[in-house]
Amino acid sequence: MANTSTPSPKTAFLKLSYPAPRVLLCIMSREKALNCTNAAAILEMTAVFAWFDAEPSLSVAILTGAGTKAFSTGADLKEWNAKVAELTAAGKDTSGAGPGNVPGAVAMSNRRGKKPVIAAVNGMALGGGCENVINCDIVIASETATFGLVEVKRGLAAYAGALPRLIRTIGLQRASEMALTGRIIDAETAEKWGMVNKVVPQARLVDEAIAFAKELAENSPDSLIVTRSGLREGWTTPDVVDATTVTNEGVWRELQKGENMQEGLKAFSERRKPRWQGPRL
């Protein structure tokens, strides 16, 4: 159990642990349902990642799935179908039936957040599961991992931000190939296209993700937040100057007022490792 300053939200879908200082490991644990996400799971993930962003003792999170078959196969389609049938029978609009339409739910697929999340993809990442991966900051995949925006095969469409994000990551033509065909690609292809940072054997997957997380967590907590903000603004804002201005006039100014910047400069001058404080941002 980590010595966090605030208790984590109660969880049923996510199993939480702390494998290294300042690192949170989240395991999606509906293994028999291929770690698909129902409405309750999405609300839970939303609460956990909001807590993670606010918790000063944590800098980096890892998201993976239980077992070896699936990272996550996305929305719980049985629950979705039942909700559509219920609304249809009542003569009501079915447009809000999807689990991701629960008020206040953003989970991972449409999370903005402020701290980095690493995806450790242990198997199938399909539909909303693939959307989760696309919105993570670093992606480590097992050799057996697969990726697909398969919504078109079920009369659906990816609606939580994956389509524009995927275009900006792998380009229009490759994104179109995935999303319009519903085709599933393997880990090697995903790495070649730029969706995945590294492919490793299944047995080493979580350890590799933890190693990445530890490397990030050794850095200034404030600097991680500001640097990620700059990267994200560059990903979503068309103009480079505008993206830079948003970061420089916001969190960058706050970083310069904080103890961690002073500590980093002082540690460099004194030729020692910095002793970081929790983020002020």
C-alpha atoms as a PDB file:
ATOM      1  CA  MET A   1       0.000   0.000   0.000  1.00  0.00           C
ATOM      2  CA  ALA A   2       1.395   3.396  -0.978  1.00  0.00           C
ATOM      3  CA  ASN A   3       1.710   6.205   1.499  1.00  0.00           C
ATOM      4  CA  THR A   4      -0.652   8.481  -0.413  1.00  0.00           C
ATOM      5  CA  SER A   5      -1.886  11.705   1.137  1.00  0.00           C
ATOM      6  CA  THR A   6      -5.491  10.897   0.200  1.00  0.00           C
ATOM      7  CA  PRO A   7      -7.200   7.493  -0.061  1.00  0.00           C
ATOM      8  CA  SER A   8      -7.900   6.140  -3.526  1.00  0.00           C
ATOM      9  CA  PRO A   9     -11.530   5.777  -4.653  1.00  0.00           C
ATOM     10  CA  LYS A  10     -13.123   2.421  -3.938  1.00  0.00           C
ATOM     11  CA  THR A  11     -12.739   0.184  -6.965  1.00  0.00           C
ATOM     12  CA  ALA A  12     -14.255  -3.005  -8.356  1.00  0.00           C
ATOM     13  CA  PHE A  13     -13.199  -2.875 -12.008  1.00  0.00           C
ATOM     14  CA  LEU A  14      -9.673  -1.578 -11.406  1.00  0.00           C
ATOM     15  CA  LYS A  15      -7.092  -3.275  -9.217  1.00  0.00           C
ATOM     16  CA  LEU A  16      -4.695  -0.632  -7.899  1.00  0.00           C
ATOM     17  CA  SER A  17      -1.109  -1.144  -6.727  1.00  0.00           C
ATOM     18  CA  TYR A  18       2.085   0.879  -6.364  1.00  0.00           C
ATOM     19  CA  PRO A  19       5.027  -1.018  -7.904  1.00  0.00           C
ATOM     20  CA  ALA A  20       7.566   1.813  -7.555  1.00  0.00           C
ATOM     21  CA  PRO A  21       7.819   5.214  -5.884  1.00  0.00           C
ATOM     22  CA  ARG A  22       5.374   7.723  -7.421  1.00  0.00           C
ATOM     23  CA  VAL A  23       3.964   5.031  -9.776  1.00  0.00           C
ATOM     24  CA  LEU A  24       0.345   3.809  -9.860  1.00  0.00           C
ATOM     25  CA  LEU A  25      -0.518   0.509 -11.592  1.00  0.00           C
ATOM     26  CA  CYS A  26      -4.166   0.088 -12.694  1.00  0.00           C
ATOM     27  CA  ILE A  27      -5.315  -3.342 -13.889  1.00  0.00           C
ATOM     28  CA  MET A  28      -8.690  -3.592 -15.643  1.00  0.00           C
ATOM     29  CA  SER A  29     -10.122  -6.754 -14.123  1.00  0.00           C
ATOM     30  CA  ARG A  30     -13.173  -8.093 -15.940  1.00  0.00           C
ATOM     31  CA  GLU A  31     -11.084 -10.884 -17.386  1.00  0.00           C
ATOM     32  CA  LYS A  32     -14.010 -13.176 -18.257  1.00  0.00           C
ATOM     33  CA  ALA A  33     -15.603 -10.287 -20.164  1.00  0.00           C
ATOM     34  CA  LEU A  34     -12.303  -9.488 -21.894  1.00  0.00           C
ATOM     35  CA  ASN A  35     -11.953  -6.425 -19.654  1.00  0.00           C
ATOM     36  CA  CYS A  36     -14.752  -4.583 -21.427  1.00  0.00           C
ATOM     37  CA  THR A  37     -16.064  -1.431 -19.775  1.00  0.00           C
ATOM     38  CA  ASN A  38     -19.652  -1.023 -18.656  1.00  0.00           C
ATOM     39  CA  ALA A  39     -21.068   2.268 -17.357  1.00  0.00           C
ATOM     40  CA  ALA A  40     -19.956   1.537 -13.788  1.00  0.00           C
ATOM     41  CA  ALA A  41     -16.401   0.786 -14.916  1.00  0.00           C
ATOM     42  CA  ILE A  42     -16.171   4.013 -16.896  1.00  0.00           C
ATOM     43  CA  LEU A  43     -17.343   6.069 -13.909  1.00  0.00           C
ATOM     44  CA  GLU A  44     -14.826   4.250 -11.718  1.00  0.00           C
ATOM     45  CA  MET A  45     -11.955   4.930 -14.119  1.00  0.00           C
ATOM     46  CA  THR A  46     -12.970   8.586 -14.296  1.00  0.00           C
ATOM     47  CA  ALA A  47     -12.820   8.849 -10.495  1.00  0.00           C
ATOM     48  CA  VAL A  48      -9.500   7.009 -10.208  1.00  0.00           C
ATOM     49  CA  PHE A  49      -7.692   9.118 -12.793  1.00  0.00           C
ATOM     50  CA  ALA A  50      -9.077  12.343 -11.334  1.00  0.00           C
ATOM     51  CA  TRP A  51      -7.709  11.210  -7.951  1.00  0.00           C
ATOM     52  CA  PHE A  52      -4.378  10.269  -9.572  1.00  0.00           C
ATOM     53  CA  ASP A  53      -4.045  13.764 -11.070  1.00  0.00           C
ATOM     54  CA  ALA A  54      -4.745  15.380  -7.696  1.00  0.00           C
ATOM     55  CA  GLU A  55      -2.618  13.040  -5.526  1.00  0.00           C
ATOM     56  CA  PRO A  56       0.775  14.711  -4.867  1.00  0.00           C
ATOM     57  CA  SER A  57       2.597  11.444  -4.110  1.00  0.00           C
ATOM     58  CA  LEU A  58       2.003  10.053  -7.630  1.00  0.00           C
ATOM     59  CA  SER A  59       3.579  11.117 -10.936  1.00  0.00           C
ATOM     60  CA  VAL A  60       2.914   8.344 -13.470  1.00  0.00           C
ATOM     61  CA  ALA A  61       0.196   5.737 -13.997  1.00  0.00           C
ATOM     62  CA  ILE A  62       0.233   2.455 -15.902  1.00  0.00           C
ATOM     63  CA  LEU A  63      -2.954   0.988 -17.377  1.00  0.00           C
ATOM     64  CA  THR A  64      -3.134  -2.688 -18.342  1.00  0.00           C
ATOM     65  CA  GLY A  65      -5.617  -5.549 -18.465  1.00  0.00           C
ATOM     66  CA  ALA A  66      -5.993  -8.683 -16.372  1.00  0.00           C
ATOM     67  CA  GLY A  67      -4.877 -11.917 -17.992  1.00  0.00           C
ATOM     68  CA  THR A  68      -3.194 -12.348 -21.352  1.00  0.00           C
ATOM     69  CA  LYS A  69      -6.112 -12.313 -23.804  1.00  0.00           C
ATOM     70  CA  ALA A  70      -7.293  -8.710 -23.625  1.00  0.00           C
ATOM     71  CA  PHE A  71      -6.159  -5.244 -22.628  1.00  0.00           C
ATOM     72  CA  SER A  72      -9.771  -4.153 -23.130  1.00  0.00           C
ATOM     73  CA  THR A  73     -12.357  -4.932 -25.777  1.00  0.00           C
ATOM     74  CA  GLY A  74     -14.127  -1.616 -25.209  1.00  0.00           C
ATOM     75  CA  ALA A  75     -17.733  -0.974 -24.309  1.00  0.00           C
ATOM     76  CA  ASP A  76     -19.928  -3.685 -22.807  1.00  0.00           C
ATOM     77  CA  LEU A  77     -22.111  -4.269 -25.868  1.00  0.00           C
ATOM     78  CA  LYS A  78     -24.578  -6.501 -23.985  1.00  0.00           C
ATOM     79  CA  GLU A  79     -25.266  -3.690 -21.523  1.00  0.00           C
ATOM     80  CA  TRP A  80     -25.497  -1.217 -24.407  1.00  0.00           C
ATOM     81  CA  ASN A  81     -27.938  -3.455 -26.302  1.00  0.00           C
ATOM     82  CA  ALA A  82     -30.130  -3.853 -23.218  1.00  0.00           C
ATOM     83  CA  LYS A  83     -30.230  -0.096 -22.701  1.00  0.00           C
ATOM     84  CA  VAL A  84     -31.152   0.519 -26.351  1.00  0.00           C
ATOM     85  CA  ALA A  85     -33.953  -2.075 -26.101  1.00  0.00           C
ATOM     86  CA  GLU A  86     -35.246  -0.462 -22.901  1.00  0.00           C
ATOM     87  CA  LEU A  87     -35.282   3.033 -24.418  1.00  0.00           C
ATOM     88  CA  THR A  88     -36.821   1.807 -27.661  1.00  0.00           C
ATOM     89  CA  ALA A  89     -39.610   0.028 -25.804  1.00  0.00           C
ATOM     90  CA  ALA A  90     -40.327   3.241 -23.917  1.00  0.00           C
ATOM     91  CA  GLY A  91     -40.361   5.255 -27.142  1.00  0.00           C
ATOM     92  CA  LYS A  92     -37.351   7.266 -26.020  1.00  0.00           C
ATOM     93  CA  ASP A  93     -34.263   8.557 -27.835  1.00  0.00           C
ATOM     94  CA  THR A  94     -31.495   5.922 -27.902  1.00  0.00           C
ATOM     95  CA  SER A  95     -28.643   8.313 -28.697  1.00  0.00           C
ATOM     96  CA  GLY A  96     -27.410   8.384 -25.092  1.00  0.00           C
ATOM     97  CA  ALA A  97     -27.499   4.634 -24.478  1.00  0.00           C
ATOM     98  CA  GLY A  98     -23.758   4.005 -24.724  1.00  0.00           C
ATOM     99  CA  PRO A  99     -21.811   3.521 -21.483  1.00  0.00           C
ATOM    100  CA  GLY A 100     -19.533   6.424 -22.348  1.00  0.00           C
ATOM    101  CA  ASN A 101     -22.494   8.800 -22.278  1.00  0.00           C
ATOM    102  CA  VAL A 102     -22.905   8.563 -18.511  1.00  0.00           C
ATOM    103  CA  PRO A 103     -22.865  12.167 -17.188  1.00  0.00           C
ATOM    104  CA  GLY A 104     -19.432  13.119 -15.852  1.00  0.00           C
ATOM    105  CA  ALA A 105     -17.690  10.075 -17.362  1.00  0.00           C
ATOM    106  CA  VAL A 106     -14.514  10.596 -19.375  1.00  0.00           C
ATOM    107  CA  ALA A 107     -12.448   7.563 -18.247  1.00  0.00           C
ATOM    108  CA  MET A 108      -9.262   7.192 -20.312  1.00  0.00           C
ATOM    109  CA  SER A 109     -10.471   7.381 -23.897  1.00  0.00           C
ATOM    110  CA  ASN A 110     -11.347  11.084 -23.647  1.00  0.00           C
ATOM    111  CA  ARG A 111      -9.241  12.073 -20.637  1.00  0.00           C
ATOM    112  CA  ARG A 112      -7.226  15.266 -20.765  1.00  0.00           C
ATOM    113  CA  GLY A 113      -5.672  15.099 -17.303  1.00  0.00           C
ATOM    114  CA  LYS A 114      -2.296  16.509 -16.345  1.00  0.00           C
ATOM    115  CA  LYS A 115      -0.078  13.501 -15.506  1.00  0.00           C
ATOM    116  CA  PRO A 116       1.257  10.885 -17.954  1.00  0.00           C
ATOM    117  CA  VAL A 117      -0.306   7.456 -18.359  1.00  0.00           C
ATOM    118  CA  ILE A 118       1.497   4.473 -19.882  1.00  0.00           C
ATOM    119  CA  ALA A 119      -0.534   1.756 -21.608  1.00  0.00           C
ATOM    120  CA  ALA A 120       0.806  -1.786 -21.163  1.00  0.00           C
ATOM    121  CA  VAL A 121      -1.168  -3.589 -23.855  1.00  0.00           C
ATOM    122  CA  ASN A 122      -1.315  -7.267 -22.930  1.00  0.00           C
ATOM    123  CA  GLY A 123      -3.719  -8.534 -25.610  1.00  0.00           C
ATOM    124  CA  MET A 124      -6.681  -7.284 -27.621  1.00  0.00           C
ATOM    125  CA  ALA A 125      -7.239  -3.528 -27.581  1.00  0.00           C
ATOM    126  CA  LEU A 126     -10.463  -3.168 -29.534  1.00  0.00           C
ATOM    127  CA  GLY A 127     -13.095  -0.449 -29.860  1.00  0.00           C
ATOM    128  CA  GLY A 128     -13.047   1.672 -26.740  1.00  0.00           C
ATOM    129  CA  GLY A 129     -10.023  -0.299 -25.541  1.00  0.00           C
ATOM    130  CA  CYS A 130      -8.114   0.886 -28.585  1.00  0.00           C
ATOM    131  CA  GLU A 131      -9.386   4.428 -27.925  1.00  0.00           C
ATOM    132  CA  ASN A 132      -7.847   4.169 -24.456  1.00  0.00           C
ATOM    133  CA  VAL A 133      -4.497   3.221 -25.947  1.00  0.00           C
ATOM    134  CA  ILE A 134      -4.565   6.020 -28.524  1.00  0.00           C
ATOM    135  CA  ASN A 135      -5.018   8.590 -25.752  1.00  0.00           C
ATOM    136  CA  CYS A 136      -2.194   7.281 -23.532  1.00  0.00           C
ATOM    137  CA  ASP A 137       1.160   9.068 -23.499  1.00  0.00           C
ATOM    138  CA  ILE A 138       3.431   6.037 -23.929  1.00  0.00           C
ATOM    139  CA  VAL A 139       2.409   2.597 -25.220  1.00  0.00           C
ATOM    140  CA  ILE A 140       4.246  -0.653 -24.502  1.00  0.00           C
ATOM    141  CA  ALA A 141       2.751  -3.704 -26.208  1.00  0.00           C
ATOM    142  CA  SER A 142       3.231  -7.426 -25.861  1.00  0.00           C
ATOM    143  CA  GLU A 143       4.113  -9.383 -28.982  1.00  0.00           C
ATOM    144  CA  THR A 144       0.594 -10.821 -28.989  1.00  0.00           C
ATOM    145  CA  ALA A 145      -1.216  -7.478 -28.642  1.00  0.00           C
ATOM    146  CA  THR A 146      -3.684  -6.440 -31.341  1.00  0.00           C
ATOM    147  CA  PHE A 147      -5.394  -3.131 -32.054  1.00  0.00           C
ATOM    148  CA  GLY A 148      -8.615  -2.275 -33.841  1.00  0.00           C
ATOM    149  CA  LEU A 149     -11.331   0.339 -34.108  1.00  0.00           C
ATOM    150  CA  VAL A 150     -13.955  -2.280 -34.860  1.00  0.00           C
ATOM    151  CA  GLU A 151     -17.034  -0.124 -34.218  1.00  0.00           C
ATOM    152  CA  VAL A 152     -18.103  -0.084 -37.886  1.00  0.00           C
ATOM    153  CA  LYS A 153     -18.591  -3.863 -37.710  1.00  0.00           C
ATOM    154  CA  ARG A 154     -21.234  -3.368 -34.993  1.00  0.00           C
ATOM    155  CA  GLY A 155     -23.118  -0.432 -36.484  1.00  0.00           C
ATOM    156  CA  LEU A 156     -21.275   1.991 -34.210  1.00  0.00           C
ATOM    157  CA  ALA A 157     -18.515   4.583 -34.585  1.00  0.00           C
ATOM    158  CA  ALA A 158     -15.585   5.610 -32.394  1.00  0.00           C
ATOM    159  CA  TYR A 159     -16.923   8.681 -30.614  1.00  0.00           C
ATOM    160  CA  ALA A 160     -14.556   9.404 -27.722  1.00  0.00           C
ATOM    161  CA  GLY A 161     -11.848  11.290 -29.604  1.00  0.00           C
ATOM    162  CA  ALA A 162      -9.937   8.411 -31.196  1.00  0.00           C
ATOM    163  CA  LEU A 163     -10.534   9.423 -34.811  1.00  0.00           C
ATOM    164  CA  PRO A 164      -8.874  12.878 -34.802  1.00  0.00           C
ATOM    165  CA  ARG A 165      -6.194  11.679 -32.379  1.00  0.00           C
ATOM    166  CA  LEU A 166      -5.349   8.690 -34.564  1.00  0.00           C
ATOM    167  CA  ILE A 167      -5.056  10.892 -37.650  1.00  0.00           C
ATOM    168  CA  ARG A 168      -2.545  13.079 -35.846  1.00  0.00           C
ATOM    169  CA  THR A 169      -0.579  10.062 -34.667  1.00  0.00           C
ATOM    170  CA  ILE A 170      -0.434   7.835 -37.772  1.00  0.00           C
ATOM    171  CA  GLY A 171      -1.834  10.005 -40.598  1.00  0.00           C
ATOM    172  CA  LEU A 172      -5.138  10.146 -42.472  1.00  0.00           C
ATOM    173  CA  GLN A 173      -4.647   7.164 -44.760  1.00  0.00           C
ATOM    174  CA  ARG A 174      -3.583   4.675 -42.094  1.00  0.00           C
ATOM    175  CA  ALA A 175      -6.243   5.948 -39.692  1.00  0.00           C
ATOM    176  CA  SER A 176      -8.815   5.539 -42.461  1.00  0.00           C
ATOM    177  CA  GLU A 177      -7.617   2.000 -43.117  1.00  0.00           C
ATOM    178  CA  MET A 178      -8.165   1.081 -39.478  1.00  0.00           C
ATOM    179  CA  ALA A 179     -11.406   2.937 -38.791  1.00  0.00           C
ATOM    180  CA  LEU A 180     -13.278   2.452 -42.083  1.00  0.00           C
ATOM    181  CA  THR A 181     -12.497  -1.255 -42.458  1.00  0.00           C
ATOM    182  CA  GLY A 182     -12.556  -2.193 -38.770  1.00  0.00           C
ATOM    183  CA  ARG A 183      -9.401  -4.145 -39.537  1.00  0.00           C
ATOM    184  CA  ILE A 184      -7.307  -5.424 -36.617  1.00  0.00           C
ATOM    185  CA  ILE A 185      -3.556  -4.820 -36.741  1.00  0.00           C
ATOM    186  CA  ASP A 186      -0.797  -6.600 -34.849  1.00  0.00           C
ATOM    187  CA  ALA A 187       1.745  -5.101 -32.453  1.00  0.00           C
ATOM    188  CA  GLU A 188       4.531  -5.018 -35.043  1.00  0.00           C
ATOM    189  CA  THR A 189       2.371  -2.978 -37.432  1.00  0.00           C
ATOM    190  CA  ALA A 190       1.243  -0.661 -34.641  1.00  0.00           C
ATOM    191  CA  GLU A 191       4.873  -0.010 -33.726  1.00  0.00           C
ATOM    192  CA  LYS A 192       5.803   0.606 -37.362  1.00  0.00           C
ATOM    193  CA  TRP A 193       2.940   3.084 -37.733  1.00  0.00           C
ATOM    194  CA  GLY A 194       3.870   4.997 -34.581  1.00  0.00           C
ATOM    195  CA  MET A 195       1.014   3.893 -32.282  1.00  0.00           C
ATOM    196  CA  VAL A 196       3.344   1.873 -30.050  1.00  0.00           C
ATOM    197  CA  ASN A 197       6.675   2.861 -28.497  1.00  0.00           C
ATOM    198  CA  LYS A 198       8.010  -0.638 -27.912  1.00  0.00           C
ATOM    199  CA  VAL A 199       7.009  -4.277 -28.394  1.00  0.00           C
ATOM    200  CA  VAL A 200       8.211  -6.797 -25.789  1.00  0.00           C
ATOM    201  CA  PRO A 201       7.498 -10.421 -24.834  1.00  0.00           C
ATOM    202  CA  GLN A 202       4.299 -10.890 -22.819  1.00  0.00           C
ATOM    203  CA  ALA A 203       6.245 -12.033 -19.759  1.00  0.00           C
ATOM    204  CA  ARG A 204       8.197  -8.777 -19.649  1.00  0.00           C
ATOM    205  CA  LEU A 205       5.340  -6.395 -20.450  1.00  0.00           C
ATOM    206  CA  VAL A 206       4.439  -4.991 -17.036  1.00  0.00           C
ATOM    207  CA  ASP A 207       8.089  -4.894 -15.916  1.00  0.00           C
ATOM    208  CA  GLU A 208       8.967  -2.901 -19.030  1.00  0.00           C
ATOM    209  CA  ALA A 209       6.104  -0.491 -18.389  1.00  0.00           C
ATOM    210  CA  ILE A 210       7.231  -0.090 -14.768  1.00  0.00           C
ATOM    211  CA  ALA A 211      10.783   0.612 -15.950  1.00  0.00           C
ATOM    212  CA  PHE A 212       9.461   3.379 -18.216  1.00  0.00           C
ATOM    213  CA  ALA A 213       7.327   4.734 -15.384  1.00  0.00           C
ATOM    214  CA  LYS A 214      10.263   4.768 -12.947  1.00  0.00           C
ATOM    215  CA  GLU A 215      12.356   6.695 -15.465  1.00  0.00           C
ATOM    216  CA  LEU A 216       9.616   9.323 -15.757  1.00  0.00           C
ATOM    217  CA  ALA A 217       8.993   9.388 -12.001  1.00  0.00           C
ATOM    218  CA  GLU A 218      12.637  10.236 -11.268  1.00  0.00           C
ATOM    219  CA  ASN A 219      12.072  13.636 -12.884  1.00  0.00           C
ATOM    220  CA  SER A 220      10.540  16.759 -11.381  1.00  0.00           C
ATOM    221  CA  PRO A 221       6.789  16.237 -10.847  1.00  0.00           C
ATOM    222  CA  ASP A 222       6.159  19.830 -11.958  1.00  0.00           C
ATOM    223  CA  SER A 223       8.325  19.448 -15.052  1.00  0.00           C
ATOM    224  CA  LEU A 224       6.450  16.284 -16.053  1.00  0.00           C
ATOM    225  CA  ILE A 225       3.131  18.142 -15.879  1.00  0.00           C
ATOM    226  CA  VAL A 226       4.377  21.171 -17.818  1.00  0.00           C
ATOM    227  CA  THR A 227       6.165  19.101 -20.463  1.00  0.00           C
ATOM    228  CA  ARG A 228       3.137  16.883 -20.979  1.00  0.00           C
ATOM    229  CA  SER A 229       0.956  19.974 -21.255  1.00  0.00           C
ATOM    230  CA  GLY A 230       3.210  21.311 -24.004  1.00  0.00           C
ATOM    231  CA  LEU A 231       3.110  18.007 -25.857  1.00  0.00           C
ATOM    232  CA  ARG A 232      -0.665  17.733 -25.592  1.00  0.00           C
ATOM    233  CA  GLU A 233      -1.210  21.311 -26.731  1.00  0.00           C
ATOM    234  CA  GLY A 234       1.007  20.580 -29.722  1.00  0.00           C
ATOM    235  CA  TRP A 235      -1.102  17.487 -30.477  1.00  0.00           C
ATOM    236  CA  THR A 236      -4.444  19.299 -30.343  1.00  0.00           C
ATOM    237  CA  THR A 237      -3.702  22.922 -31.356  1.00  0.00           C
ATOM    238  CA  PRO A 238      -3.073  23.401 -35.085  1.00  0.00           C
ATOM    239  CA  ASP A 239      -0.713  26.378 -34.761  1.00  0.00           C
ATOM    240  CA  VAL A 240       2.654  25.723 -33.082  1.00  0.00           C
ATOM    241  CA  VAL A 241       2.984  29.270 -31.770  1.00  0.00           C
ATOM    242  CA  ASP A 242      -0.517  29.171 -30.266  1.00  0.00           C
ATOM    243  CA  ALA A 243       0.191  25.805 -28.636  1.00  0.00           C
ATOM    244  CA  THR A 244       3.430  27.094 -27.116  1.00  0.00           C
ATOM    245  CA  THR A 245       1.760  30.272 -25.883  1.00  0.00           C
ATOM    246  CA  VAL A 246      -0.952  28.340 -24.047  1.00  0.00           C
ATOM    247  CA  THR A 247       1.651  26.356 -22.096  1.00  0.00           C
ATOM    248  CA  ASN A 248       4.048  29.259 -21.519  1.00  0.00           C
ATOM    249  CA  GLU A 249       1.351  31.575 -20.212  1.00  0.00           C
ATOM    250  CA  GLY A 250      -0.174  28.891 -17.998  1.00  0.00           C
ATOM    251  CA  VAL A 251       1.648  26.057 -16.259  1.00  0.00           C
ATOM    252  CA  TRP A 252       5.164  27.162 -17.311  1.00  0.00           C
ATOM    253  CA  ARG A 253       4.784  30.360 -15.296  1.00  0.00           C
ATOM    254  CA  GLU A 254       3.661  28.359 -12.285  1.00  0.00           C
ATOM    255  CA  LEU A 255       6.613  25.966 -12.641  1.00  0.00           C
ATOM    256  CA  GLN A 256       9.039  28.894 -12.401  1.00  0.00           C
ATOM    257  CA  LYS A 257       7.531  29.930  -9.053  1.00  0.00           C
ATOM    258  CA  GLY A 258       7.914  26.500  -7.499  1.00  0.00           C
ATOM    259  CA  GLU A 259      10.397  24.777  -5.231  1.00  0.00           C
ATOM    260  CA  ASN A 260      11.157  22.025  -7.728  1.00  0.00           C
ATOM    261  CA  MET A 261      12.689  24.370 -10.300  1.00  0.00           C
ATOM    262  CA  GLN A 262      14.862  25.911  -7.595  1.00  0.00           C
ATOM    263  CA  GLU A 263      15.805  22.459  -6.314  1.00  0.00           C
ATOM    264  CA  GLY A 264      16.746  21.229  -9.796  1.00  0.00           C
ATOM    265  CA  LEU A 265      19.055  24.176 -10.423  1.00  0.00           C
ATOM    266  CA  LYS A 266      20.571  23.942  -6.953  1.00  0.00           C
ATOM    267  CA  ALA A 267      21.141  20.172  -7.252  1.00  0.00           C
ATOM    268  CA  PHE A 268      22.907  20.675 -10.580  1.00  0.00           C
ATOM    269  CA  SER A 269      25.205  23.295  -9.052  1.00  0.00           C
ATOM    270  CA  GLU A 270      25.925  21.049  -6.068  1.00  0.00           C
ATOM    271  CA  ARG A 271      26.439  17.944  -8.243  1.00  0.00           C
ATOM    272  CA  ARG A 272      23.849  15.818  -6.442  1.00  0.00           C
ATOM    273  CA  LYS A 273      20.500  14.222  -7.181  1.00  0.00           C
ATOM    274  CA  PRO A 274      17.479  16.503  -6.758  1.00  0.00           C
ATOM    275  CA  ARG A 275      15.114  15.959  -3.853  1.00  0.00           C
ATOM    276  CA  TRP A 276      11.759  16.704  -5.421  1.00  0.00           C
ATOM    277  CA  GLN A 277       8.665  17.888  -3.603  1.00  0.00           C
ATOM    278  CA  GLY A 278       5.092  17.049  -4.618  1.00  0.00           C
ATOM    279  CA  PRO A 279       3.893  19.142  -7.575  1.00  0.00           C
ATOM    280  CA  ARG A 280       2.544  22.636  -7.049  1.00  0.00           C
ATOM    281  CA  LEU A 281       0.611  22.449 -10.339  1.00  0.00           C
END
